[in-house]
mmCIF file of all heavy atoms, coordinates in Angstrom:
data_MODEL
# 
_entry.id   MODEL 
# 
loop_
_atom_site.group_PDB 
_atom_site.id 
_atom_site.type_symbol 
_atom_site.label_atom_id 
_atom_site.label_alt_id 
_atom_site.label_comp_id 
_atom_site.label_asym_id 
_atom_site.label_entity_id 
_atom_site.label_seq_id 
_atom_site.pdbx_PDB_ins_code 
_atom_site.Cartn_x 
_atom_site.Cartn_y 
_atom_site.Cartn_z 
_atom_site.occupancy 
_atom_site.B_iso_or_equiv 
_atom_site.pdbx_formal_charge 
_atom_site.auth_seq_id 
_atom_site.auth_comp_id 
_atom_site.auth_asym_id 
_atom_site.auth_atom_id 
_atom_site.pdbx_PDB_model_num 
ATOM 1   N N   . ARG A 1 1  ? 88.276  95.678  109.735 1.00 0.00 ? 1  ARG A N   1 
ATOM 2   C CA  . ARG A 1 1  ? 88.179  96.963  110.438 1.00 0.00 ? 1  ARG A CA  1 
ATOM 3   C C   . ARG A 1 1  ? 89.339  97.892  110.064 1.00 0.00 ? 1  ARG A C   1 
ATOM 4   O O   . ARG A 1 1  ? 89.190  99.117  110.115 1.00 0.00 ? 1  ARG A O   1 
ATOM 5   C CB  . ARG A 1 1  ? 88.155  96.741  111.949 1.00 0.00 ? 1  ARG A CB  1 
ATOM 6   C CG  . ARG A 1 1  ? 87.079  95.766  112.422 1.00 0.00 ? 1  ARG A CG  1 
ATOM 7   C CD  . ARG A 1 1  ? 85.666  96.273  112.187 1.00 0.00 ? 1  ARG A CD  1 
ATOM 8   N NE  . ARG A 1 1  ? 84.671  95.268  112.519 1.00 0.00 ? 1  ARG A NE  1 
ATOM 9   C CZ  . ARG A 1 1  ? 84.176  95.065  113.732 1.00 0.00 ? 1  ARG A CZ  1 
ATOM 10  N NH1 . ARG A 1 1  ? 84.600  95.818  114.740 1.00 0.00 ? 1  ARG A NH1 1 
ATOM 11  N NH2 . ARG A 1 1  ? 83.276  94.134  113.934 1.00 0.00 ? 1  ARG A NH2 1 
ATOM 12  N N   . PHE A 1 2  ? 90.483  97.300  109.709 1.00 0.00 ? 2  PHE A N   1 
ATOM 13  C CA  . PHE A 1 2  ? 91.660  98.093  109.349 1.00 0.00 ? 2  PHE A CA  1 
ATOM 14  C C   . PHE A 1 2  ? 91.724  98.340  107.840 1.00 0.00 ? 2  PHE A C   1 
ATOM 15  O O   . PHE A 1 2  ? 92.071  99.433  107.405 1.00 0.00 ? 2  PHE A O   1 
ATOM 16  C CB  . PHE A 1 2  ? 92.934  97.379  109.813 1.00 0.00 ? 2  PHE A CB  1 
ATOM 17  C CG  . PHE A 1 2  ? 92.948  97.075  111.280 1.00 0.00 ? 2  PHE A CG  1 
ATOM 18  C CD1 . PHE A 1 2  ? 92.490  95.851  111.760 1.00 0.00 ? 2  PHE A CD1 1 
ATOM 19  C CD2 . PHE A 1 2  ? 93.407  98.008  112.194 1.00 0.00 ? 2  PHE A CD2 1 
ATOM 20  C CE1 . PHE A 1 2  ? 92.500  95.566  113.114 1.00 0.00 ? 2  PHE A CE1 1 
ATOM 21  C CE2 . PHE A 1 2  ? 93.419  97.737  113.554 1.00 0.00 ? 2  PHE A CE2 1 
ATOM 22  C CZ  . PHE A 1 2  ? 92.959  96.508  114.021 1.00 0.00 ? 2  PHE A CZ  1 
ATOM 23  N N   . SER A 1 3  ? 91.390  97.318  107.058 1.00 0.00 ? 3  SER A N   1 
ATOM 24  C CA  . SER A 1 3  ? 91.473  97.438  105.595 1.00 0.00 ? 3  SER A CA  1 
ATOM 25  C C   . SER A 1 3  ? 90.294  98.187  105.010 1.00 0.00 ? 3  SER A C   1 
ATOM 26  O O   . SER A 1 3  ? 90.370  98.660  103.874 1.00 0.00 ? 3  SER A O   1 
ATOM 27  C CB  . SER A 1 3  ? 91.563  96.049  104.965 1.00 0.00 ? 3  SER A CB  1 
ATOM 28  O OG  . SER A 1 3  ? 90.335  95.341  105.110 1.00 0.00 ? 3  SER A OG  1 
ATOM 29  N N   . ARG A 1 4  ? 89.168  98.270  105.776 1.00 0.00 ? 4  ARG A N   1 
ATOM 30  C CA  . ARG A 1 4  ? 87.905  98.873  105.327 1.00 0.00 ? 4  ARG A CA  1 
ATOM 31  C C   . ARG A 1 4  ? 87.295  98.089  104.166 1.00 0.00 ? 4  ARG A C   1 
ATOM 32  O O   . ARG A 1 4  ? 86.510  98.630  103.377 1.00 0.00 ? 4  ARG A O   1 
ATOM 33  C CB  . ARG A 1 4  ? 88.078  100.348 104.946 1.00 0.00 ? 4  ARG A CB  1 
ATOM 34  C CG  . ARG A 1 4  ? 88.796  101.201 105.971 1.00 0.00 ? 4  ARG A CG  1 
ATOM 35  C CD  . ARG A 1 4  ? 88.238  101.068 107.363 1.00 0.00 ? 4  ARG A CD  1 
ATOM 36  N NE  . ARG A 1 4  ? 86.827  101.456 107.461 1.00 0.00 ? 4  ARG A NE  1 
ATOM 37  C CZ  . ARG A 1 4  ? 85.991  100.988 108.399 1.00 0.00 ? 4  ARG A CZ  1 
ATOM 38  N NH1 . ARG A 1 4  ? 86.419  100.130 109.309 1.00 0.00 ? 4  ARG A NH1 1 
ATOM 39  N NH2 . ARG A 1 4  ? 84.742  101.383 108.417 1.00 0.00 ? 4  ARG A NH2 1 
ATOM 40  N N   . ARG A 1 5  ? 87.623  96.823  104.062 1.00 0.00 ? 5  ARG A N   1 
ATOM 41  C CA  . ARG A 1 5  ? 87.057  95.927  103.050 1.00 0.00 ? 5  ARG A CA  1 
ATOM 42  C C   . ARG A 1 5  ? 86.201  94.896  103.776 1.00 0.00 ? 5  ARG A C   1 
ATOM 43  O O   . ARG A 1 5  ? 86.713  94.026  104.466 1.00 0.00 ? 5  ARG A O   1 
ATOM 44  C CB  . ARG A 1 5  ? 88.179  95.243  102.267 1.00 0.00 ? 5  ARG A CB  1 
ATOM 45  C CG  . ARG A 1 5  ? 87.711  94.223  101.253 1.00 0.00 ? 5  ARG A CG  1 
ATOM 46  C CD  . ARG A 1 5  ? 88.924  93.699  100.488 1.00 0.00 ? 5  ARG A CD  1 
ATOM 47  N NE  . ARG A 1 5  ? 88.586  92.537  99.679  1.00 0.00 ? 5  ARG A NE  1 
ATOM 48  C CZ  . ARG A 1 5  ? 89.439  91.898  98.904  1.00 0.00 ? 5  ARG A CZ  1 
ATOM 49  N NH1 . ARG A 1 5  ? 90.712  92.306  98.829  1.00 0.00 ? 5  ARG A NH1 1 
ATOM 50  N NH2 . ARG A 1 5  ? 89.072  90.842  98.207  1.00 0.00 ? 5  ARG A NH2 1 
ATOM 51  N N   . LYS A 1 6  ? 84.894  94.978  103.618 1.00 0.00 ? 6  LYS A N   1 
ATOM 52  C CA  . LYS A 1 6  ? 83.988  94.156  104.411 1.00 0.00 ? 6  LYS A CA  1 
ATOM 53  C C   . LYS A 1 6  ? 84.216  92.669  104.157 1.00 0.00 ? 6  LYS A C   1 
ATOM 54  O O   . LYS A 1 6  ? 84.346  92.231  103.018 1.00 0.00 ? 6  LYS A O   1 
ATOM 55  C CB  . LYS A 1 6  ? 82.534  94.529  104.106 1.00 0.00 ? 6  LYS A CB  1 
ATOM 56  C CG  . LYS A 1 6  ? 81.558  93.994  105.153 1.00 0.00 ? 6  LYS A CG  1 
ATOM 57  C CD  . LYS A 1 6  ? 80.200  94.647  105.021 1.00 0.00 ? 6  LYS A CD  1 
ATOM 58  C CE  . LYS A 1 6  ? 79.277  94.215  106.167 1.00 0.00 ? 6  LYS A CE  1 
ATOM 59  N NZ  . LYS A 1 6  ? 77.954  94.828  106.075 1.00 0.00 ? 6  LYS A NZ  1 
ATOM 60  N N   . HIS A 1 7  ? 84.256  91.902  105.250 1.00 0.00 ? 7  HIS A N   1 
ATOM 61  C CA  . HIS A 1 7  ? 84.509  90.455  105.217 1.00 0.00 ? 7  HIS A CA  1 
ATOM 62  C C   . HIS A 1 7  ? 85.846  90.134  104.547 1.00 0.00 ? 7  HIS A C   1 
ATOM 63  O O   . HIS A 1 7  ? 85.983  89.134  103.851 1.00 0.00 ? 7  HIS A O   1 
ATOM 64  C CB  . HIS A 1 7  ? 83.370  89.709  104.516 1.00 0.00 ? 7  HIS A CB  1 
ATOM 65  C CG  . HIS A 1 7  ? 82.022  89.946  105.121 1.00 0.00 ? 7  HIS A CG  1 
ATOM 66  N ND1 . HIS A 1 7  ? 81.733  89.647  106.428 1.00 0.00 ? 7  HIS A ND1 1 
ATOM 67  C CD2 . HIS A 1 7  ? 80.884  90.467  104.592 1.00 0.00 ? 7  HIS A CD2 1 
ATOM 68  C CE1 . HIS A 1 7  ? 80.473  89.974  106.687 1.00 0.00 ? 7  HIS A CE1 1 
ATOM 69  N NE2 . HIS A 1 7  ? 79.945  90.477  105.590 1.00 0.00 ? 7  HIS A NE2 1 
ATOM 70  N N   . ASP A 1 8  ? 86.827  90.965  104.754 1.00 0.00 ? 8  ASP A N   1 
ATOM 71  C CA  . ASP A 1 8  ? 88.144  90.798  104.129 1.00 0.00 ? 8  ASP A CA  1 
ATOM 72  C C   . ASP A 1 8  ? 88.708  89.411  104.459 1.00 0.00 ? 8  ASP A C   1 
ATOM 73  O O   . ASP A 1 8  ? 88.897  89.077  105.629 1.00 0.00 ? 8  ASP A O   1 
ATOM 74  C CB  . ASP A 1 8  ? 89.088  91.888  104.638 1.00 0.00 ? 8  ASP A CB  1 
ATOM 75  C CG  . ASP A 1 8  ? 90.341  92.008  103.802 1.00 0.00 ? 8  ASP A CG  1 
ATOM 76  O OD1 . ASP A 1 8  ? 90.680  91.056  103.078 1.00 0.00 ? 8  ASP A OD1 1 
ATOM 77  O OD2 . ASP A 1 8  ? 90.996  93.071  103.872 1.00 0.00 ? 8  ASP A OD2 1 
ATOM 78  N N   . PRO A 1 9  ? 88.997  88.577  103.433 1.00 0.00 ? 9  PRO A N   1 
ATOM 79  C CA  . PRO A 1 9  ? 89.497  87.233  103.712 1.00 0.00 ? 9  PRO A CA  1 
ATOM 80  C C   . PRO A 1 9  ? 91.018  87.122  103.694 1.00 0.00 ? 9  PRO A C   1 
ATOM 81  O O   . PRO A 1 9  ? 91.563  86.049  103.955 1.00 0.00 ? 9  PRO A O   1 
ATOM 82  C CB  . PRO A 1 9  ? 88.920  86.426  102.542 1.00 0.00 ? 9  PRO A CB  1 
ATOM 83  C CG  . PRO A 1 9  ? 88.954  87.389  101.394 1.00 0.00 ? 9  PRO A CG  1 
ATOM 84  C CD  . PRO A 1 9  ? 88.696  88.767  101.998 1.00 0.00 ? 9  PRO A CD  1 
ATOM 85  N N   . ARG A 1 10 ? 91.707  88.214  103.400 1.00 0.00 ? 10 ARG A N   1 
ATOM 86  C CA  . ARG A 1 10 ? 93.152  88.142  103.183 1.00 0.00 ? 10 ARG A CA  1 
ATOM 87  C C   . ARG A 1 10 ? 93.925  87.919  104.488 1.00 0.00 ? 10 ARG A C   1 
ATOM 88  O O   . ARG A 1 10 ? 93.372  88.019  105.580 1.00 0.00 ? 10 ARG A O   1 
ATOM 89  C CB  . ARG A 1 10 ? 93.614  89.430  102.498 1.00 0.00 ? 10 ARG A CB  1 
ATOM 90  C CG  . ARG A 1 10 ? 93.028  89.616  101.093 1.00 0.00 ? 10 ARG A CG  1 
ATOM 91  C CD  . ARG A 1 10 ? 93.356  90.984  100.524 1.00 0.00 ? 10 ARG A CD  1 
ATOM 92  N NE  . ARG A 1 10 ? 92.751  92.061  101.312 1.00 0.00 ? 10 ARG A NE  1 
ATOM 93  C CZ  . ARG A 1 10 ? 92.908  93.352  101.038 1.00 0.00 ? 10 ARG A CZ  1 
ATOM 94  N NH1 . ARG A 1 10 ? 93.656  93.725  100.009 1.00 0.00 ? 10 ARG A NH1 1 
ATOM 95  N NH2 . ARG A 1 10 ? 92.328  94.269  101.804 1.00 0.00 ? 10 ARG A NH2 1 
ATOM 96  N N   . PHE A 1 11 ? 95.197  87.596  104.348 1.00 0.00 ? 11 PHE A N   1 
ATOM 97  C CA  . PHE A 1 11 ? 96.051  87.418  105.519 1.00 0.00 ? 11 PHE A CA  1 
ATOM 98  C C   . PHE A 1 11 ? 95.923  88.651  106.425 1.00 0.00 ? 11 PHE A C   1 
ATOM 99  O O   . PHE A 1 11 ? 96.095  89.783  105.964 1.00 0.00 ? 11 PHE A O   1 
ATOM 100 C CB  . PHE A 1 11 ? 97.500  87.241  105.082 1.00 0.00 ? 11 PHE A CB  1 
ATOM 101 C CG  . PHE A 1 11 ? 98.446  86.981  106.213 1.00 0.00 ? 11 PHE A CG  1 
ATOM 102 C CD1 . PHE A 1 11 ? 98.511  85.738  106.802 1.00 0.00 ? 11 PHE A CD1 1 
ATOM 103 C CD2 . PHE A 1 11 ? 99.269  87.994  106.690 1.00 0.00 ? 11 PHE A CD2 1 
ATOM 104 C CE1 . PHE A 1 11 ? 99.388  85.494  107.859 1.00 0.00 ? 11 PHE A CE1 1 
ATOM 105 C CE2 . PHE A 1 11 ? 100.148 87.766  107.745 1.00 0.00 ? 11 PHE A CE2 1 
ATOM 106 C CZ  . PHE A 1 11 ? 100.209 86.511  108.326 1.00 0.00 ? 11 PHE A CZ  1 
ATOM 107 N N   . PRO A 1 12 ? 95.625  88.463  107.707 1.00 0.00 ? 12 PRO A N   1 
ATOM 108 C CA  . PRO A 1 12 ? 95.271  89.605  108.572 1.00 0.00 ? 12 PRO A CA  1 
ATOM 109 C C   . PRO A 1 12 ? 96.480  90.354  109.123 1.00 0.00 ? 12 PRO A C   1 
ATOM 110 O O   . PRO A 1 12 ? 96.668  90.482  110.339 1.00 0.00 ? 12 PRO A O   1 
ATOM 111 C CB  . PRO A 1 12 ? 94.465  88.936  109.694 1.00 0.00 ? 12 PRO A CB  1 
ATOM 112 C CG  . PRO A 1 12 ? 95.077  87.577  109.811 1.00 0.00 ? 12 PRO A CG  1 
ATOM 113 C CD  . PRO A 1 12 ? 95.438  87.174  108.391 1.00 0.00 ? 12 PRO A CD  1 
ATOM 114 N N   . GLU A 1 13 ? 97.286  90.903  108.239 1.00 0.00 ? 13 GLU A N   1 
ATOM 115 C CA  . GLU A 1 13 ? 98.528  91.534  108.654 1.00 0.00 ? 13 GLU A CA  1 
ATOM 116 C C   . GLU A 1 13 ? 98.293  92.726  109.578 1.00 0.00 ? 13 GLU A C   1 
ATOM 117 O O   . GLU A 1 13 ? 98.980  92.885  110.603 1.00 0.00 ? 13 GLU A O   1 
ATOM 118 C CB  . GLU A 1 13 ? 99.328  91.983  107.432 1.00 0.00 ? 13 GLU A CB  1 
ATOM 119 C CG  . GLU A 1 13 ? 100.658 92.626  107.789 1.00 0.00 ? 13 GLU A CG  1 
ATOM 120 C CD  . GLU A 1 13 ? 101.530 92.937  106.591 1.00 0.00 ? 13 GLU A CD  1 
ATOM 121 O OE1 . GLU A 1 13 ? 101.251 92.380  105.503 1.00 0.00 ? 13 GLU A OE1 1 
ATOM 122 O OE2 . GLU A 1 13 ? 102.469 93.730  106.732 1.00 0.00 ? 13 GLU A OE2 1 
ATOM 123 N N   . GLN A 1 14 ? 97.308  93.575  109.226 1.00 0.00 ? 14 GLN A N   1 
ATOM 124 C CA  . GLN A 1 14 ? 97.072  94.754  110.063 1.00 0.00 ? 14 GLN A CA  1 
ATOM 125 C C   . GLN A 1 14 ? 96.482  94.362  111.418 1.00 0.00 ? 14 GLN A C   1 
ATOM 126 O O   . GLN A 1 14 ? 96.825  94.959  112.452 1.00 0.00 ? 14 GLN A O   1 
ATOM 127 C CB  . GLN A 1 14 ? 96.130  95.721  109.337 1.00 0.00 ? 14 GLN A CB  1 
ATOM 128 C CG  . GLN A 1 14 ? 96.736  96.306  108.079 1.00 0.00 ? 14 GLN A CG  1 
ATOM 129 C CD  . GLN A 1 14 ? 95.778  97.243  107.388 1.00 0.00 ? 14 GLN A CD  1 
ATOM 130 O OE1 . GLN A 1 14 ? 95.651  98.415  107.763 1.00 0.00 ? 14 GLN A OE1 1 
ATOM 131 N NE2 . GLN A 1 14 ? 95.064  96.751  106.377 1.00 0.00 ? 14 GLN A NE2 1 
ATOM 132 N N   . ALA A 1 15 ? 95.605  93.358  111.425 1.00 0.00 ? 15 ALA A N   1 
ATOM 133 C CA  . ALA A 1 15 ? 95.056  92.876  112.696 1.00 0.00 ? 15 ALA A CA  1 
ATOM 134 C C   . ALA A 1 15 ? 96.151  92.266  113.558 1.00 0.00 ? 15 ALA A C   1 
ATOM 135 O O   . ALA A 1 15 ? 96.177  92.450  114.787 1.00 0.00 ? 15 ALA A O   1 
ATOM 136 C CB  . ALA A 1 15 ? 93.939  91.864  112.429 1.00 0.00 ? 15 ALA A CB  1 
ATOM 137 N N   . ILE A 1 16 ? 97.069  91.527  112.932 1.00 0.00 ? 16 ILE A N   1 
ATOM 138 C CA  . ILE A 1 16 ? 98.187  90.935  113.682 1.00 0.00 ? 16 ILE A CA  1 
ATOM 139 C C   . ILE A 1 16 ? 99.062  92.028  114.282 1.00 0.00 ? 16 ILE A C   1 
ATOM 140 O O   . ILE A 1 16 ? 99.455  91.960  115.460 1.00 0.00 ? 16 ILE A O   1 
ATOM 141 C CB  . ILE A 1 16 ? 99.015  90.016  112.764 1.00 0.00 ? 16 ILE A CB  1 
ATOM 142 C CG1 . ILE A 1 16 ? 98.211  88.761  112.391 1.00 0.00 ? 16 ILE A CG1 1 
ATOM 143 C CG2 . ILE A 1 16 ? 100.324 89.611  113.447 1.00 0.00 ? 16 ILE A CG2 1 
ATOM 144 C CD1 . ILE A 1 16 ? 98.874  87.905  111.320 1.00 0.00 ? 16 ILE A CD1 1 
ATOM 145 N N   . ARG A 1 17 ? 99.372  93.048  113.484 1.00 0.00 ? 17 ARG A N   1 
ATOM 146 C CA  . ARG A 1 17 ? 100.222 94.134  114.001 1.00 0.00 ? 17 ARG A CA  1 
ATOM 147 C C   . ARG A 1 17 ? 99.564  94.813  115.202 1.00 0.00 ? 17 ARG A C   1 
ATOM 148 O O   . ARG A 1 17 ? 100.238 95.111  116.198 1.00 0.00 ? 17 ARG A O   1 
ATOM 149 C CB  . ARG A 1 17 ? 100.512 95.146  112.896 1.00 0.00 ? 17 ARG A CB  1 
ATOM 150 C CG  . ARG A 1 17 ? 101.431 94.623  111.806 1.00 0.00 ? 17 ARG A CG  1 
ATOM 151 C CD  . ARG A 1 17 ? 101.925 95.732  110.900 1.00 0.00 ? 17 ARG A CD  1 
ATOM 152 N NE  . ARG A 1 17 ? 102.673 95.209  109.773 1.00 0.00 ? 17 ARG A NE  1 
ATOM 153 C CZ  . ARG A 1 17 ? 103.943 94.807  109.827 1.00 0.00 ? 17 ARG A CZ  1 
ATOM 154 N NH1 . ARG A 1 17 ? 104.598 94.872  110.977 1.00 0.00 ? 17 ARG A NH1 1 
ATOM 155 N NH2 . ARG A 1 17 ? 104.554 94.352  108.747 1.00 0.00 ? 17 ARG A NH2 1 
ATOM 156 N N   . PHE A 1 18 ? 98.252  95.065  115.101 1.00 0.00 ? 18 PHE A N   1 
ATOM 157 C CA  . PHE A 1 18 ? 97.583  95.666  116.250 1.00 0.00 ? 18 PHE A CA  1 
ATOM 158 C C   . PHE A 1 18 ? 97.669  94.756  117.472 1.00 0.00 ? 18 PHE A C   1 
ATOM 159 O O   . PHE A 1 18 ? 98.003  95.205  118.584 1.00 0.00 ? 18 PHE A O   1 
ATOM 160 C CB  . PHE A 1 18 ? 96.111  95.959  115.946 1.00 0.00 ? 18 PHE A CB  1 
ATOM 161 C CG  . PHE A 1 18 ? 95.278  95.992  117.189 1.00 0.00 ? 18 PHE A CG  1 
ATOM 162 C CD1 . PHE A 1 18 ? 95.406  97.034  118.092 1.00 0.00 ? 18 PHE A CD1 1 
ATOM 163 C CD2 . PHE A 1 18 ? 94.440  94.928  117.518 1.00 0.00 ? 18 PHE A CD2 1 
ATOM 164 C CE1 . PHE A 1 18 ? 94.712  97.032  119.291 1.00 0.00 ? 18 PHE A CE1 1 
ATOM 165 C CE2 . PHE A 1 18 ? 93.725  94.925  118.704 1.00 0.00 ? 18 PHE A CE2 1 
ATOM 166 C CZ  . PHE A 1 18 ? 93.856  95.989  119.592 1.00 0.00 ? 18 PHE A CZ  1 
ATOM 167 N N   . CYS A 1 19 ? 97.339  93.468  117.283 1.00 0.00 ? 19 CYS A N   1 
ATOM 168 C CA  . CYS A 1 19 ? 97.301  92.549  118.424 1.00 0.00 ? 19 CYS A CA  1 
ATOM 169 C C   . CYS A 1 19 ? 98.664  92.440  119.091 1.00 0.00 ? 19 CYS A C   1 
ATOM 170 O O   . CYS A 1 19 ? 98.773  92.404  120.332 1.00 0.00 ? 19 CYS A O   1 
ATOM 171 C CB  . CYS A 1 19 ? 96.828  91.165  117.965 1.00 0.00 ? 19 CYS A CB  1 
ATOM 172 S SG  . CYS A 1 19 ? 95.069  91.082  117.565 1.00 0.00 ? 19 CYS A SG  1 
ATOM 173 N N   . LEU A 1 20 ? 99.720  92.397  118.295 1.00 0.00 ? 20 LEU A N   1 
ATOM 174 C CA  . LEU A 1 20 ? 101.067 92.326  118.868 1.00 0.00 ? 20 LEU A CA  1 
ATOM 175 C C   . LEU A 1 20 ? 101.440 93.633  119.574 1.00 0.00 ? 20 LEU A C   1 
ATOM 176 O O   . LEU A 1 20 ? 102.017 93.615  120.668 1.00 0.00 ? 20 LEU A O   1 
ATOM 177 C CB  . LEU A 1 20 ? 102.079 92.008  117.768 1.00 0.00 ? 20 LEU A CB  1 
ATOM 178 C CG  . LEU A 1 20 ? 101.985 90.603  117.158 1.00 0.00 ? 20 LEU A CG  1 
ATOM 179 C CD1 . LEU A 1 20 ? 102.954 90.464  115.982 1.00 0.00 ? 20 LEU A CD1 1 
ATOM 180 C CD2 . LEU A 1 20 ? 102.277 89.527  118.200 1.00 0.00 ? 20 LEU A CD2 1 
ATOM 181 N N   . ASP A 1 21 ? 101.115 94.759  118.956 1.00 0.00 ? 21 ASP A N   1 
ATOM 182 C CA  . ASP A 1 21 ? 101.402 96.055  119.583 1.00 0.00 ? 21 ASP A CA  1 
ATOM 183 C C   . ASP A 1 21 ? 100.682 96.190  120.917 1.00 0.00 ? 21 ASP A C   1 
ATOM 184 O O   . ASP A 1 21 ? 101.236 96.707  121.903 1.00 0.00 ? 21 ASP A O   1 
ATOM 185 C CB  . ASP A 1 21 ? 100.982 97.195  118.654 1.00 0.00 ? 21 ASP A CB  1 
ATOM 186 C CG  . ASP A 1 21 ? 101.905 97.349  117.454 1.00 0.00 ? 21 ASP A CG  1 
ATOM 187 O OD1 . ASP A 1 21 ? 102.998 96.759  117.463 1.00 0.00 ? 21 ASP A OD1 1 
ATOM 188 O OD2 . ASP A 1 21 ? 101.518 98.037  116.490 1.00 0.00 ? 21 ASP A OD2 1 
ATOM 189 N N   . GLN A 1 22 ? 99.434  95.734  120.961 1.00 0.00 ? 22 GLN A N   1 
ATOM 190 C CA  . GLN A 1 22 ? 98.648  95.814  122.195 1.00 0.00 ? 22 GLN A CA  1 
ATOM 191 C C   . GLN A 1 22 ? 99.304  95.008  123.307 1.00 0.00 ? 22 GLN A C   1 
ATOM 192 O O   . GLN A 1 22 ? 99.261  95.387  124.487 1.00 0.00 ? 22 GLN A O   1 
ATOM 193 C CB  . GLN A 1 22 ? 97.227  95.306  121.932 1.00 0.00 ? 22 GLN A CB  1 
ATOM 194 C CG  . GLN A 1 22 ? 96.268  95.460  123.100 1.00 0.00 ? 22 GLN A CG  1 
ATOM 195 C CD  . GLN A 1 22 ? 95.869  96.910  123.367 1.00 0.00 ? 22 GLN A CD  1 
ATOM 196 O OE1 . GLN A 1 22 ? 95.840  97.725  122.454 1.00 0.00 ? 22 GLN A OE1 1 
ATOM 197 N NE2 . GLN A 1 22 ? 95.559  97.231  124.610 1.00 0.00 ? 22 GLN A NE2 1 
ATOM 198 N N   . ALA A 1 23 ? 99.936  93.893  122.931 1.00 0.00 ? 23 ALA A N   1 
ATOM 199 C CA  . ALA A 1 23 ? 100.591 93.029  123.915 1.00 0.00 ? 23 ALA A CA  1 
ATOM 200 C C   . ALA A 1 23 ? 102.050 93.416  124.152 1.00 0.00 ? 23 ALA A C   1 
ATOM 201 O O   . ALA A 1 23 ? 102.705 92.830  125.021 1.00 0.00 ? 23 ALA A O   1 
ATOM 202 C CB  . ALA A 1 23 ? 100.520 91.582  123.436 1.00 0.00 ? 23 ALA A CB  1 
ATOM 203 N N   . GLY A 1 24 ? 102.561 94.388  123.372 1.00 0.00 ? 24 GLY A N   1 
ATOM 204 C CA  . GLY A 1 24 ? 103.959 94.775  123.500 1.00 0.00 ? 24 GLY A CA  1 
ATOM 205 C C   . GLY A 1 24 ? 104.913 93.716  122.997 1.00 0.00 ? 24 GLY A C   1 
ATOM 206 O O   . GLY A 1 24 ? 106.019 93.544  123.549 1.00 0.00 ? 24 GLY A O   1 
ATOM 207 N N   . LEU A 1 25 ? 104.517 93.010  121.940 1.00 0.00 ? 25 LEU A N   1 
ATOM 208 C CA  . LEU A 1 25 ? 105.298 91.885  121.422 1.00 0.00 ? 25 LEU A CA  1 
ATOM 209 C C   . LEU A 1 25 ? 105.666 92.097  119.957 1.00 0.00 ? 25 LEU A C   1 
ATOM 210 O O   . LEU A 1 25 ? 105.050 92.903  119.257 1.00 0.00 ? 25 LEU A O   1 
ATOM 211 C CB  . LEU A 1 25 ? 104.491 90.581  121.533 1.00 0.00 ? 25 LEU A CB  1 
ATOM 212 C CG  . LEU A 1 25 ? 104.027 90.147  122.928 1.00 0.00 ? 25 LEU A CG  1 
ATOM 213 C CD1 . LEU A 1 25 ? 103.075 88.967  122.810 1.00 0.00 ? 25 LEU A CD1 1 
ATOM 214 C CD2 . LEU A 1 25 ? 105.235 89.779  123.797 1.00 0.00 ? 25 LEU A CD2 1 
ATOM 215 N N   . SER A 1 26 ? 106.626 91.328  119.503 1.00 0.00 ? 26 SER A N   1 
ATOM 216 C CA  . SER A 1 26 ? 106.944 91.216  118.084 1.00 0.00 ? 26 SER A CA  1 
ATOM 217 C C   . SER A 1 26 ? 106.703 89.773  117.652 1.00 0.00 ? 26 SER A C   1 
ATOM 218 O O   . SER A 1 26 ? 106.475 88.885  118.488 1.00 0.00 ? 26 SER A O   1 
ATOM 219 C CB  . SER A 1 26 ? 108.410 91.595  117.834 1.00 0.00 ? 26 SER A CB  1 
ATOM 220 O OG  . SER A 1 26 ? 109.270 90.634  118.426 1.00 0.00 ? 26 SER A OG  1 
# 
């Protein structure tokens, strides 16, 4: 959803950053 590459298999760095930001964590 972040990379705009369908079925992206790579390390989910952008998804991790969102999830941590949503929780207010590092």
